[in-house]
Amino acid sequence: MKVGVIGTGTMGGRMVAKFVEGGHEVVARDIAPAAEAKAQAAGAKIVKSPVEVAREADVVILSLPMPADVAEVVAGPDGLLSAARQGQVIVDMSTVDPMSTQKMAKLAGEKGVAYLDAPVLGRPQGCGAWALPVGGDAAALEKARPVLDKVAKRIERVGDSGSGNVVKLLNNLMFGAINAVTAEVMALAAKVDMPPKILFDLIASSGAATVSNLFKELGPKMLARDYSPLFAIDLLWKDNMLALEMAKAYKAPMPLSATMQVLNEMARAKSLGAEDTSALIKVYEELYGVKVEG
């Protein structure tokens, strides 16, 4: 089965390598020359536009930043649907909102193309062991499963079109909350003269119900003042924005998440958007007049 990948950056680039390793022919496209060069080095054939991907691939994977990017790639002048073939499957693994996914799925369906949303639950380095909540047609998922199996250990259809997006956005709201409270308690520890490293080491090794894998990841980065991005503040802000817009559309107030998003906006106002989400600690350091380090 020939696989297309559009968006060969942090997540997509790792998928390209896994698909090639799994024996699939891969055709790829990205707007960034460096990302394309990396995909080519991994064994992908590089083409110049989404429409060229559509002409060659049976299953097309999308890994793109924003809903507008997905819409352009799928339905734009040189988009996938310009060369749609009956029986093709598009799998959008981007983090986008369910409403835009449903619109793309409708357009694809009119061309006889199946459209799945299967956003990634997992870190880039976990490619091969990800979990994928999938929204869309069950038969289309079974067609795409041999491809998705190369990057995920658990693939579960969670409902109709957009349902996978719902799971991912809710997951990332929890990510944002854990990120924010970790920064807050680490900074407060410094403020009340409790060494943050002692706080972290005791809690992380305690087996207490408050401990999460994310807390165990964030604490050492904050203590080392290592803000190299595993997941950037800009991306968390984007995902939480989409989640809050979804909640608003359903008239569901989200007071806790809205407050957490203000913190993300404060970090972005301090030009921290490209740094890891652990850099949120800098907002609290300025507020409290402290420095968190190990």
C-alpha atoms as a PDB file:
ATOM      1  CA  MET A   1       0.000   0.000   0.000  1.00  0.00           C
ATOM      2  CA  LYS A   2       1.410   3.388  -0.984  1.00  0.00           C
ATOM      3  CA  VAL A   3       1.246   5.985   1.786  1.00  0.00           C
ATOM      4  CA  GLY A   4       1.227   9.763   1.428  1.00  0.00           C
ATOM      5  CA  VAL A   5       2.383  12.028   4.257  1.00  0.00           C
ATOM      6  CA  ILE A   6       1.749  15.767   4.185  1.00  0.00           C
ATOM      7  CA  GLY A   7       3.505  17.547   7.007  1.00  0.00           C
ATOM      8  CA  THR A   8       6.840  15.861   7.723  1.00  0.00           C
ATOM      9  CA  GLY A   9       7.906  17.886  10.747  1.00  0.00           C
ATOM     10  CA  THR A  10       8.235  16.744  14.347  1.00  0.00           C
ATOM     11  CA  MET A  11       5.477  14.117  14.210  1.00  0.00           C
ATOM     12  CA  GLY A  12       5.138  13.502  10.489  1.00  0.00           C
ATOM     13  CA  GLY A  13       8.847  12.970   9.983  1.00  0.00           C
ATOM     14  CA  ARG A  14       8.879  10.149  12.514  1.00  0.00           C
ATOM     15  CA  MET A  15       5.857   8.589  10.842  1.00  0.00           C
ATOM     16  CA  VAL A  16       7.603   8.623   7.467  1.00  0.00           C
ATOM     17  CA  ALA A  17      10.495   6.632   8.921  1.00  0.00           C
ATOM     18  CA  LYS A  18       8.139   4.086  10.514  1.00  0.00           C
ATOM     19  CA  PHE A  19       6.139   3.629   7.311  1.00  0.00           C
ATOM     20  CA  VAL A  20       9.294   3.060   5.262  1.00  0.00           C
ATOM     21  CA  GLU A  21      10.621   0.624   7.872  1.00  0.00           C
ATOM     22  CA  GLY A  22       7.275  -1.184   7.699  1.00  0.00           C
ATOM     23  CA  GLY A  23       7.645  -1.779   3.975  1.00  0.00           C
ATOM     24  CA  HIS A  24       5.375   0.938   2.580  1.00  0.00           C
ATOM     25  CA  GLU A  25       6.237   3.160  -0.335  1.00  0.00           C
ATOM     26  CA  VAL A  26       5.959   6.732   0.926  1.00  0.00           C
ATOM     27  CA  VAL A  27       5.345   9.933  -1.014  1.00  0.00           C
ATOM     28  CA  ALA A  28       5.669  13.124   1.028  1.00  0.00           C
ATOM     29  CA  ARG A  29       5.247  16.889   0.977  1.00  0.00           C
ATOM     30  CA  ASP A  30       6.091  19.703   3.397  1.00  0.00           C
ATOM     31  CA  ILE A  31       6.471  23.459   2.953  1.00  0.00           C
ATOM     32  CA  ALA A  32       9.763  23.387   4.893  1.00  0.00           C
ATOM     33  CA  PRO A  33      12.755  22.248   2.792  1.00  0.00           C
ATOM     34  CA  ALA A  34      14.561  20.892   5.862  1.00  0.00           C
ATOM     35  CA  ALA A  35      11.583  18.707   6.782  1.00  0.00           C
ATOM     36  CA  GLU A  36      11.365  17.405   3.216  1.00  0.00           C
ATOM     37  CA  ALA A  37      15.091  16.670   3.147  1.00  0.00           C
ATOM     38  CA  LYS A  38      14.772  14.630   6.336  1.00  0.00           C
ATOM     39  CA  ALA A  39      11.802  12.696   4.920  1.00  0.00           C
ATOM     40  CA  GLN A  40      13.732  12.022   1.722  1.00  0.00           C
ATOM     41  CA  ALA A  41      16.702  10.761   3.724  1.00  0.00           C
ATOM     42  CA  ALA A  42      14.321   8.392   5.521  1.00  0.00           C
ATOM     43  CA  GLY A  43      13.270   6.918   2.175  1.00  0.00           C
ATOM     44  CA  ALA A  44      10.268   8.990   1.040  1.00  0.00           C
ATOM     45  CA  LYS A  45       9.705  10.289  -2.471  1.00  0.00           C
ATOM     46  CA  ILE A  46       9.217  14.070  -2.326  1.00  0.00           C
ATOM     47  CA  VAL A  47       6.604  15.769  -4.520  1.00  0.00           C
ATOM     48  CA  LYS A  48       5.694  19.410  -5.025  1.00  0.00           C
ATOM     49  CA  SER A  49       2.046  19.617  -3.951  1.00  0.00           C
ATOM     50  CA  PRO A  50      -0.783  17.801  -2.143  1.00  0.00           C
ATOM     51  CA  VAL A  51      -2.447  17.027  -5.463  1.00  0.00           C
ATOM     52  CA  GLU A  52       0.635  15.034  -6.490  1.00  0.00           C
ATOM     53  CA  VAL A  53       0.423  13.089  -3.240  1.00  0.00           C
ATOM     54  CA  ALA A  54      -3.228  12.288  -4.011  1.00  0.00           C
ATOM     55  CA  ARG A  55      -2.332  10.977  -7.471  1.00  0.00           C
ATOM     56  CA  GLU A  56      -0.007   8.347  -6.007  1.00  0.00           C
ATOM     57  CA  ALA A  57      -1.139   7.382  -2.508  1.00  0.00           C
ATOM     58  CA  ASP A  58      -3.857   5.006  -1.350  1.00  0.00           C
ATOM     59  CA  VAL A  59      -3.837   6.323   2.214  1.00  0.00           C
ATOM     60  CA  VAL A  60      -2.836   9.931   2.909  1.00  0.00           C
ATOM     61  CA  ILE A  61      -1.704  11.000   6.376  1.00  0.00           C
ATOM     62  CA  LEU A  62      -1.933  14.663   7.430  1.00  0.00           C
ATOM     63  CA  SER A  63       0.174  16.131  10.242  1.00  0.00           C
ATOM     64  CA  LEU A  64      -0.403  19.879  10.095  1.00  0.00           C
ATOM     65  CA  PRO A  65      -0.495  22.834  12.533  1.00  0.00           C
ATOM     66  CA  MET A  66      -3.907  24.475  12.171  1.00  0.00           C
ATOM     67  CA  PRO A  67      -7.428  23.793  10.837  1.00  0.00           C
ATOM     68  CA  ALA A  68      -6.798  26.337   8.062  1.00  0.00           C
ATOM     69  CA  ASP A  69      -3.730  24.378   6.959  1.00  0.00           C
ATOM     70  CA  VAL A  70      -5.766  21.180   6.795  1.00  0.00           C
ATOM     71  CA  ALA A  71      -8.502  22.908   4.793  1.00  0.00           C
ATOM     72  CA  GLU A  72      -5.963  24.243   2.284  1.00  0.00           C
ATOM     73  CA  VAL A  73      -4.268  20.864   1.860  1.00  0.00           C
ATOM     74  CA  VAL A  74      -7.542  18.961   1.513  1.00  0.00           C
ATOM     75  CA  ALA A  75      -9.803  21.343  -0.384  1.00  0.00           C
ATOM     76  CA  GLY A  76      -7.540  24.104  -1.732  1.00  0.00           C
ATOM     77  CA  PRO A  77      -6.791  24.709  -5.438  1.00  0.00           C
ATOM     78  CA  ASP A  78      -3.944  22.144  -5.389  1.00  0.00           C
ATOM     79  CA  GLY A  79      -5.494  20.098  -2.616  1.00  0.00           C
ATOM     80  CA  LEU A  80      -5.964  16.385  -2.246  1.00  0.00           C
ATOM     81  CA  LEU A  81      -9.558  16.425  -3.446  1.00  0.00           C
ATOM     82  CA  SER A  82      -8.451  17.898  -6.782  1.00  0.00           C
ATOM     83  CA  ALA A  83      -7.144  14.445  -7.673  1.00  0.00           C
ATOM     84  CA  ALA A  84      -9.407  12.350  -5.475  1.00  0.00           C
ATOM     85  CA  ARG A  85      -9.908   8.696  -6.351  1.00  0.00           C
ATOM     86  CA  GLN A  86     -12.760   6.474  -5.248  1.00  0.00           C
ATOM     87  CA  GLY A  87     -11.660   4.388  -2.284  1.00  0.00           C
ATOM     88  CA  GLN A  88      -8.826   6.615  -1.068  1.00  0.00           C
ATOM     89  CA  VAL A  89      -8.565   7.289   2.658  1.00  0.00           C
ATOM     90  CA  ILE A  90      -7.392  10.548   4.193  1.00  0.00           C
ATOM     91  CA  VAL A  91      -6.315  10.263   7.834  1.00  0.00           C
ATOM     92  CA  ASP A  92      -5.899  13.603   9.576  1.00  0.00           C
ATOM     93  CA  MET A  93      -3.563  13.105  12.528  1.00  0.00           C
ATOM     94  CA  SER A  94      -3.329  16.830  13.256  1.00  0.00           C
ATOM     95  CA  THR A  95      -4.767  18.420  16.389  1.00  0.00           C
ATOM     96  CA  VAL A  96      -7.757  20.355  15.060  1.00  0.00           C
ATOM     97  CA  ASP A  97     -11.371  20.940  16.052  1.00  0.00           C
ATOM     98  CA  PRO A  98     -14.209  18.496  15.304  1.00  0.00           C
ATOM     99  CA  MET A  99     -16.305  21.046  13.422  1.00  0.00           C
ATOM    100  CA  SER A 100     -13.638  21.674  10.772  1.00  0.00           C
ATOM    101  CA  THR A 101     -13.024  17.929  10.509  1.00  0.00           C
ATOM    102  CA  GLN A 102     -16.699  17.295   9.849  1.00  0.00           C
ATOM    103  CA  LYS A 103     -16.635  19.886   7.070  1.00  0.00           C
ATOM    104  CA  MET A 104     -13.596  18.248   5.430  1.00  0.00           C
ATOM    105  CA  ALA A 105     -15.160  14.801   5.809  1.00  0.00           C
ATOM    106  CA  LYS A 106     -18.305  15.980   4.024  1.00  0.00           C
ATOM    107  CA  LEU A 107     -16.307  17.393   1.107  1.00  0.00           C
ATOM    108  CA  ALA A 108     -14.240  14.218   0.878  1.00  0.00           C
ATOM    109  CA  GLY A 109     -17.332  12.038   0.977  1.00  0.00           C
ATOM    110  CA  GLU A 110     -18.752  13.878  -2.015  1.00  0.00           C
ATOM    111  CA  LYS A 111     -15.684  12.693  -3.952  1.00  0.00           C
ATOM    112  CA  GLY A 112     -15.924   9.112  -2.741  1.00  0.00           C
ATOM    113  CA  VAL A 113     -12.972   9.555  -0.392  1.00  0.00           C
ATOM    114  CA  ALA A 114     -13.096   8.369   3.220  1.00  0.00           C
ATOM    115  CA  TYR A 115     -11.914  10.822   5.882  1.00  0.00           C
ATOM    116  CA  LEU A 116     -10.748   9.857   9.370  1.00  0.00           C
ATOM    117  CA  ASP A 117      -9.547  11.989  12.264  1.00  0.00           C
ATOM    118  CA  ALA A 118      -6.899  10.165  14.290  1.00  0.00           C
ATOM    119  CA  PRO A 119      -4.939  12.661  16.405  1.00  0.00           C
ATOM    120  CA  VAL A 120      -1.942  11.368  18.301  1.00  0.00           C
ATOM    121  CA  LEU A 121      -1.946  10.656  22.025  1.00  0.00           C
ATOM    122  CA  GLY A 122       1.757  10.469  22.824  1.00  0.00           C
ATOM    123  CA  ARG A 123       5.071  12.245  22.515  1.00  0.00           C
ATOM    124  CA  PRO A 124       7.025  12.363  19.225  1.00  0.00           C
ATOM    125  CA  GLN A 125       9.642   9.951  20.568  1.00  0.00           C
ATOM    126  CA  GLY A 126       6.858   7.461  21.300  1.00  0.00           C
ATOM    127  CA  CYS A 127       6.086   6.970  17.608  1.00  0.00           C
ATOM    128  CA  GLY A 128       5.349   3.291  17.170  1.00  0.00           C
ATOM    129  CA  ALA A 129       3.630   3.083  20.541  1.00  0.00           C
ATOM    130  CA  TRP A 130       1.085   5.895  20.229  1.00  0.00           C
ATOM    131  CA  ALA A 131      -2.619   5.635  20.973  1.00  0.00           C
ATOM    132  CA  LEU A 132      -4.970   6.892  18.278  1.00  0.00           C
ATOM    133  CA  PRO A 133      -8.600   7.800  19.006  1.00  0.00           C
ATOM    134  CA  VAL A 134     -10.265   7.604  15.604  1.00  0.00           C
ATOM    135  CA  GLY A 135     -13.401   9.316  14.343  1.00  0.00           C
ATOM    136  CA  GLY A 136     -15.114   8.232  11.134  1.00  0.00           C
ATOM    137  CA  ASP A 137     -16.221   5.197   9.174  1.00  0.00           C
ATOM    138  CA  ALA A 138     -15.291   1.800  10.615  1.00  0.00           C
ATOM    139  CA  ALA A 139     -14.613   0.230   7.201  1.00  0.00           C
ATOM    140  CA  ALA A 140     -12.265   3.078   6.281  1.00  0.00           C
ATOM    141  CA  LEU A 141     -10.384   2.564   9.522  1.00  0.00           C
ATOM    142  CA  GLU A 142      -9.865  -1.108   8.718  1.00  0.00           C
ATOM    143  CA  LYS A 143      -8.463  -0.118   5.320  1.00  0.00           C
ATOM    144  CA  ALA A 144      -6.042   2.332   6.948  1.00  0.00           C
ATOM    145  CA  ARG A 145      -5.186   0.122   9.938  1.00  0.00           C
ATOM    146  CA  PRO A 146      -2.187  -1.651   8.326  1.00  0.00           C
ATOM    147  CA  VAL A 147      -0.623   1.794   7.905  1.00  0.00           C
ATOM    148  CA  LEU A 148      -1.594   3.168  11.311  1.00  0.00           C
ATOM    149  CA  ASP A 149      -0.348  -0.008  13.004  1.00  0.00           C
ATOM    150  CA  LYS A 150       3.187   1.103  12.140  1.00  0.00           C
ATOM    151  CA  VAL A 151       2.957   4.143  14.424  1.00  0.00           C
ATOM    152  CA  ALA A 152       0.461   3.125  17.129  1.00  0.00           C
ATOM    153  CA  LYS A 153      -0.050   0.278  19.578  1.00  0.00           C
ATOM    154  CA  ARG A 154      -3.655   1.160  20.291  1.00  0.00           C
ATOM    155  CA  ILE A 155      -6.076   2.284  17.603  1.00  0.00           C
ATOM    156  CA  GLU A 156      -9.672   2.681  18.678  1.00  0.00           C
ATOM    157  CA  ARG A 157     -12.665   4.032  16.827  1.00  0.00           C
ATOM    158  CA  VAL A 158     -14.360   6.367  19.306  1.00  0.00           C
ATOM    159  CA  GLY A 159     -17.272   7.563  17.190  1.00  0.00           C
ATOM    160  CA  ASP A 160     -18.278   9.439  14.079  1.00  0.00           C
ATOM    161  CA  SER A 161     -16.296  12.129  12.299  1.00  0.00           C
ATOM    162  CA  GLY A 162     -14.679  14.574  14.736  1.00  0.00           C
ATOM    163  CA  SER A 163     -14.807  12.204  17.713  1.00  0.00           C
ATOM    164  CA  GLY A 164     -11.061  11.611  17.673  1.00  0.00           C
ATOM    165  CA  ASN A 165     -10.534  15.360  17.780  1.00  0.00           C
ATOM    166  CA  VAL A 166     -12.766  15.631  20.843  1.00  0.00           C
ATOM    167  CA  VAL A 167     -10.666  13.082  22.747  1.00  0.00           C
ATOM    168  CA  LYS A 168      -7.414  14.820  21.801  1.00  0.00           C
ATOM    169  CA  LEU A 169      -8.619  18.313  22.753  1.00  0.00           C
ATOM    170  CA  LEU A 170      -9.886  17.080  26.122  1.00  0.00           C
ATOM    171  CA  ASN A 171      -6.591  15.286  26.716  1.00  0.00           C
ATOM    172  CA  ASN A 172      -4.655  18.466  26.022  1.00  0.00           C
ATOM    173  CA  LEU A 173      -6.836  20.466  28.388  1.00  0.00           C
ATOM    174  CA  MET A 174      -5.673  18.070  31.100  1.00  0.00           C
ATOM    175  CA  PHE A 175      -2.098  18.513  29.899  1.00  0.00           C
ATOM    176  CA  GLY A 176      -2.489  22.279  30.247  1.00  0.00           C
ATOM    177  CA  ALA A 177      -3.921  21.991  33.750  1.00  0.00           C
ATOM    178  CA  ILE A 178      -1.130  19.683  34.981  1.00  0.00           C
ATOM    179  CA  ASN A 179       1.481  21.908  33.348  1.00  0.00           C
ATOM    180  CA  ALA A 180       0.073  25.024  35.013  1.00  0.00           C
ATOM    181  CA  VAL A 181      -0.317  23.566  38.497  1.00  0.00           C
ATOM    182  CA  THR A 182       3.185  22.073  38.368  1.00  0.00           C
ATOM    183  CA  ALA A 183       4.643  25.497  37.582  1.00  0.00           C
ATOM    184  CA  GLU A 184       2.509  27.073  40.291  1.00  0.00           C
ATOM    185  CA  VAL A 185       3.459  24.689  43.106  1.00  0.00           C
ATOM    186  CA  MET A 186       7.153  24.643  42.189  1.00  0.00           C
ATOM    187  CA  ALA A 187       7.244  28.439  42.267  1.00  0.00           C
ATOM    188  CA  LEU A 188       5.253  28.603  45.499  1.00  0.00           C
ATOM    189  CA  ALA A 189       7.703  26.155  47.088  1.00  0.00           C
ATOM    190  CA  ALA A 190      10.526  28.576  46.299  1.00  0.00           C
ATOM    191  CA  LYS A 191       8.466  31.474  47.639  1.00  0.00           C
ATOM    192  CA  VAL A 192       7.904  29.798  51.017  1.00  0.00           C
ATOM    193  CA  ASP A 193      11.554  28.677  51.283  1.00  0.00           C
ATOM    194  CA  MET A 194      10.920  25.022  50.517  1.00  0.00           C
ATOM    195  CA  PRO A 195      13.634  23.939  48.028  1.00  0.00           C
ATOM    196  CA  PRO A 196      11.712  22.945  44.878  1.00  0.00           C
ATOM    197  CA  LYS A 197      13.981  19.945  44.318  1.00  0.00           C
ATOM    198  CA  ILE A 198      13.061  18.500  47.714  1.00  0.00           C
ATOM    199  CA  LEU A 199       9.383  19.035  46.958  1.00  0.00           C
ATOM    200  CA  PHE A 200       9.681  17.379  43.563  1.00  0.00           C
ATOM    201  CA  ASP A 201      11.809  14.427  44.656  1.00  0.00           C
ATOM    202  CA  LEU A 202       9.556  13.542  47.569  1.00  0.00           C
ATOM    203  CA  ILE A 203       6.290  13.839  45.662  1.00  0.00           C
ATOM    204  CA  ALA A 204       7.564  12.114  42.502  1.00  0.00           C
ATOM    205  CA  SER A 205       8.801   9.093  44.467  1.00  0.00           C
ATOM    206  CA  SER A 206       5.879   8.929  46.901  1.00  0.00           C
ATOM    207  CA  GLY A 207       3.300   7.005  44.910  1.00  0.00           C
ATOM    208  CA  ALA A 208       0.788   9.687  45.912  1.00  0.00           C
ATOM    209  CA  ALA A 209      -2.358  10.061  43.841  1.00  0.00           C
ATOM    210  CA  THR A 210      -1.185  13.510  42.728  1.00  0.00           C
ATOM    211  CA  VAL A 211       1.751  12.111  40.732  1.00  0.00           C
ATOM    212  CA  SER A 212       1.492  11.909  36.943  1.00  0.00           C
ATOM    213  CA  ASN A 213       4.021  11.048  34.244  1.00  0.00           C
ATOM    214  CA  LEU A 214       3.772  14.638  33.050  1.00  0.00           C
ATOM    215  CA  PHE A 215       4.638  15.964  36.517  1.00  0.00           C
ATOM    216  CA  LYS A 216       7.667  13.641  36.534  1.00  0.00           C
ATOM    217  CA  GLU A 217       8.727  15.044  33.156  1.00  0.00           C
ATOM    218  CA  LEU A 218       8.106  18.717  33.892  1.00  0.00           C
ATOM    219  CA  GLY A 219       9.749  18.907  37.306  1.00  0.00           C
ATOM    220  CA  PRO A 220      13.269  17.995  36.167  1.00  0.00           C
ATOM    221  CA  LYS A 221      13.040  20.370  33.198  1.00  0.00           C
ATOM    222  CA  MET A 222      12.025  23.228  35.488  1.00  0.00           C
ATOM    223  CA  LEU A 223      14.759  22.405  38.001  1.00  0.00           C
ATOM    224  CA  ALA A 224      17.395  22.204  35.245  1.00  0.00           C
ATOM    225  CA  ARG A 225      16.012  25.351  33.601  1.00  0.00           C
ATOM    226  CA  ASP A 226      15.872  23.315  30.405  1.00  0.00           C
ATOM    227  CA  TYR A 227      13.182  24.800  28.194  1.00  0.00           C
ATOM    228  CA  SER A 228      14.095  23.005  24.954  1.00  0.00           C
ATOM    229  CA  PRO A 229      10.696  22.156  23.482  1.00  0.00           C
ATOM    230  CA  LEU A 230       9.231  18.701  23.790  1.00  0.00           C
ATOM    231  CA  PHE A 231       5.878  20.467  23.366  1.00  0.00           C
ATOM    232  CA  ALA A 232       5.912  24.214  22.873  1.00  0.00           C
ATOM    233  CA  ILE A 233       3.744  26.722  24.716  1.00  0.00           C
ATOM    234  CA  ASP A 234       2.452  28.001  21.361  1.00  0.00           C
ATOM    235  CA  LEU A 235       1.148  24.528  20.503  1.00  0.00           C
ATOM    236  CA  LEU A 236      -0.474  24.047  23.897  1.00  0.00           C
ATOM    237  CA  TRP A 237      -2.105  27.449  23.595  1.00  0.00           C
ATOM    238  CA  LYS A 238      -3.414  26.540  20.124  1.00  0.00           C
ATOM    239  CA  ASP A 239      -4.830  23.203  21.265  1.00  0.00           C
ATOM    240  CA  ASN A 240      -6.467  24.730  24.339  1.00  0.00           C
ATOM    241  CA  MET A 241      -7.909  27.540  22.220  1.00  0.00           C
ATOM    242  CA  LEU A 242      -9.574  24.964  19.958  1.00  0.00           C
ATOM    243  CA  ALA A 243     -10.911  23.090  22.996  1.00  0.00           C
ATOM    244  CA  LEU A 244     -12.355  26.239  24.541  1.00  0.00           C
ATOM    245  CA  GLU A 245     -13.958  27.214  21.227  1.00  0.00           C
ATOM    246  CA  MET A 246     -15.512  23.742  21.044  1.00  0.00           C
ATOM    247  CA  ALA A 247     -16.843  24.123  24.588  1.00  0.00           C
ATOM    248  CA  LYS A 248     -18.234  27.559  23.763  1.00  0.00           C
ATOM    249  CA  ALA A 249     -20.049  26.163  20.728  1.00  0.00           C
ATOM    250  CA  TYR A 250     -21.762  23.680  23.056  1.00  0.00           C
ATOM    251  CA  LYS A 251     -22.508  26.351  25.709  1.00  0.00           C
ATOM    252  CA  ALA A 252     -20.263  24.580  28.220  1.00  0.00           C
ATOM    253  CA  PRO A 253     -18.391  26.971  30.550  1.00  0.00           C
ATOM    254  CA  MET A 254     -14.804  25.920  31.314  1.00  0.00           C
ATOM    255  CA  PRO A 255     -13.643  28.216  34.144  1.00  0.00           C
ATOM    256  CA  LEU A 256     -10.581  26.193  35.149  1.00  0.00           C
ATOM    257  CA  SER A 257      -9.385  25.722  31.584  1.00  0.00           C
ATOM    258  CA  ALA A 258     -10.029  29.372  30.752  1.00  0.00           C
ATOM    259  CA  THR A 259      -7.807  30.456  33.650  1.00  0.00           C
ATOM    260  CA  MET A 260      -5.084  28.059  32.555  1.00  0.00           C
ATOM    261  CA  GLN A 261      -5.268  29.515  29.055  1.00  0.00           C
ATOM    262  CA  VAL A 262      -4.708  33.015  30.454  1.00  0.00           C
ATOM    263  CA  LEU A 263      -1.440  31.716  31.914  1.00  0.00           C
ATOM    264  CA  ASN A 264      -0.455  30.394  28.483  1.00  0.00           C
ATOM    265  CA  GLU A 265      -1.255  33.804  27.019  1.00  0.00           C
ATOM    266  CA  MET A 266       0.886  35.485  29.664  1.00  0.00           C
ATOM    267  CA  ALA A 267       3.770  33.211  28.693  1.00  0.00           C
ATOM    268  CA  ARG A 268       3.303  34.038  25.023  1.00  0.00           C
ATOM    269  CA  ALA A 269       3.238  37.755  25.878  1.00  0.00           C
ATOM    270  CA  LYS A 270       6.689  37.216  27.431  1.00  0.00           C
ATOM    271  CA  SER A 271       7.881  35.722  24.103  1.00  0.00           C
ATOM    272  CA  LEU A 272       8.062  32.208  25.555  1.00  0.00           C
ATOM    273  CA  GLY A 273       5.821  30.622  22.926  1.00  0.00           C
ATOM    274  CA  ALA A 274       8.561  28.645  21.187  1.00  0.00           C
ATOM    275  CA  GLU A 275       9.863  27.214  24.467  1.00  0.00           C
ATOM    276  CA  ASP A 276       8.709  24.046  26.212  1.00  0.00           C
ATOM    277  CA  THR A 277       5.527  24.244  28.271  1.00  0.00           C
ATOM    278  CA  SER A 278       7.733  23.943  31.369  1.00  0.00           C
ATOM    279  CA  ALA A 279       8.801  27.547  30.639  1.00  0.00           C
ATOM    280  CA  LEU A 280       5.480  28.600  32.170  1.00  0.00           C
ATOM    281  CA  ILE A 281       7.460  28.578  35.425  1.00  0.00           C
ATOM    282  CA  LYS A 282       9.035  31.868  34.268  1.00  0.00           C
ATOM    283  CA  VAL A 283       5.658  33.604  34.521  1.00  0.00           C
ATOM    284  CA  TYR A 284       5.396  32.572  38.179  1.00  0.00           C
ATOM    285  CA  GLU A 285       9.025  33.407  38.898  1.00  0.00           C
ATOM    286  CA  GLU A 286       8.355  36.980  37.800  1.00  0.00           C
ATOM    287  CA  LEU A 287       5.109  37.161  39.775  1.00  0.00           C
ATOM    288  CA  TYR A 288       6.661  35.782  42.977  1.00  0.00           C
ATOM    289  CA  GLY A 289      10.156  37.224  42.657  1.00  0.00           C
ATOM    290  CA  VAL A 290      11.806  33.813  42.946  1.00  0.00           C
ATOM    291  CA  LYS A 291      14.029  31.502  40.896  1.00  0.00           C
ATOM    292  CA  VAL A 292      13.279  27.797  40.571  1.00  0.00           C
ATOM    293  CA  GLU A 293      16.324  25.607  40.030  1.00  0.00           C
ATOM    294  CA  GLY A 294      17.840  22.363  41.234  1.00  0.00           C
END
